Protein backbone atom coordinates (compact mmCIF):
# COMPACT_ATOMS: atom_id res chain seq x y z
CA MET A 1 120.90 88.02 107.65
CA LEU A 2 119.92 90.46 110.37
CA GLU A 3 121.67 90.65 113.67
CA PHE A 4 120.17 92.38 116.64
CA SER A 5 121.48 93.39 119.99
CA ALA A 6 119.09 93.83 122.89
CA ALA A 7 120.38 97.37 123.64
CA SER A 8 120.07 98.71 120.16
CA SER A 9 117.49 99.88 117.69
CA ARG A 10 119.80 99.08 114.78
CA PRO A 11 117.28 96.91 112.86
CA LYS A 12 115.82 99.94 111.05
CA THR A 13 119.25 100.78 109.65
CA ILE A 14 120.07 97.20 108.75
CA CYS A 15 116.72 96.84 106.94
CA THR A 16 117.48 99.84 104.79
CA VAL A 17 121.00 98.75 103.99
CA ARG A 18 119.89 95.15 103.08
CA THR A 19 117.35 96.24 100.50
CA GLY A 20 119.45 99.05 99.04
CA GLY A 21 122.47 96.73 98.85
CA SER A 22 120.51 94.31 96.83
CA ILE A 23 119.64 96.85 94.24
CA ALA A 24 123.04 98.41 94.12
CA ALA A 25 124.89 95.11 93.71
CA LEU A 26 123.02 94.02 90.64
CA TRP A 27 122.65 97.48 89.09
CA GLN A 28 126.47 97.58 88.50
CA ARG A 29 126.53 94.28 86.49
CA PRO A 30 127.37 94.26 82.82
CA GLY A 31 124.58 93.32 80.33
CA PRO A 32 121.19 94.74 79.37
CA MET A 33 120.29 97.33 81.96
CA SER A 34 116.59 96.47 81.87
CA TRP A 35 117.25 92.88 82.66
CA TRP A 36 119.54 93.72 85.53
CA ALA A 37 117.20 96.39 86.84
CA THR A 38 114.28 93.97 86.89
CA THR A 39 116.40 91.22 88.56
CA ALA A 40 117.72 93.61 91.15
CA LEU A 41 114.33 94.79 92.05
CA VAL A 42 112.97 91.24 92.31
CA ILE A 43 115.83 90.39 94.69
CA ALA A 44 115.29 93.66 96.67
CA LYS A 45 111.64 92.79 97.17
CA GLY A 46 112.67 89.31 98.39
CA SER A 47 114.99 91.09 100.80
CA CYS A 48 112.05 92.96 102.23
CA ALA A 49 110.36 89.65 102.95
CA GLU A 50 113.50 88.35 104.51
CA VAL A 51 113.65 91.46 106.72
CA ARG A 52 110.06 90.91 107.88
CA SER A 53 110.80 87.26 108.64
CA GLN A 54 113.88 88.23 110.73
CA LEU A 55 111.80 90.84 112.51
CA TYR A 56 109.47 88.15 113.69
CA VAL A 57 112.45 86.20 115.10
CA ALA A 58 113.72 89.31 116.79
CA LEU A 59 110.30 89.95 118.38
CA ASP A 60 109.95 86.38 119.52
CA CYS A 61 113.41 86.44 121.04
CA GLY A 62 112.67 89.69 122.89
CA TYR A 63 115.29 91.73 121.05
CA ILE A 64 112.79 94.36 119.99
CA THR A 65 109.49 95.58 121.43
CA GLN A 66 106.08 95.12 119.80
CA GLN A 67 106.01 98.88 119.09
CA ASP A 68 109.36 98.73 117.32
CA PHE A 69 108.28 95.65 115.43
CA ASP A 70 105.06 97.22 114.23
CA GLY A 71 106.87 100.36 113.05
CA ILE A 72 109.65 98.56 111.29
CA VAL A 73 107.33 95.99 109.67
CA ALA A 74 105.18 98.80 108.29
CA LEU A 75 108.26 100.44 106.78
CA ALA A 76 109.40 97.16 105.27
CA GLN A 77 105.96 96.65 103.72
CA GLU A 78 106.00 100.22 102.34
CA VAL A 79 109.45 99.61 100.85
CA ALA A 80 108.21 96.34 99.33
CA LYS A 81 105.32 98.15 97.65
CA ILE A 82 107.61 100.87 96.27
CA VAL A 83 110.15 98.35 95.01
CA GLY A 84 107.29 96.27 93.45
CA GLY A 85 105.93 99.33 91.73
CA LEU A 86 109.32 100.31 90.35
CA ARG A 87 109.84 96.70 89.15
CA ALA A 88 106.51 96.77 87.38
CA SER A 89 107.40 100.07 85.72
CA VAL A 90 110.73 98.77 84.53
CA GLN A 91 109.07 95.60 83.21
CA ARG A 92 106.54 97.71 81.32
CA GLN A 93 109.31 99.72 79.72
CA ARG A 94 111.17 96.58 78.89
CA ASP A 95 108.06 95.05 77.28
CA ALA A 96 107.42 98.23 75.23
CA VAL A 97 111.01 98.17 73.89
CA ALA A 98 110.67 94.44 72.99
CA LYS A 99 107.57 95.21 70.95
CA ASP A 100 109.40 97.80 68.81
């Protein structure tokens, strides 16, 4: 969950930590790496959506400006696209290995 203070622009940092933390936490689990990698990336993409949702709340409550909101949401959407592409790549590799 994101927490904002009216006098801070910390949301950018928190957004980055949230998504990266999701990936790192699952990447260290035992088991087939491709399964954990795919799962970690799915969760990370979900975290991007959660960040966007929290940003709407922060904007509505007046904790961030429209300009900050627009910039951070654009970054969150870009990260979601990157994570989604990486997940698709891992899945393709996983499927190729399964065929062999």
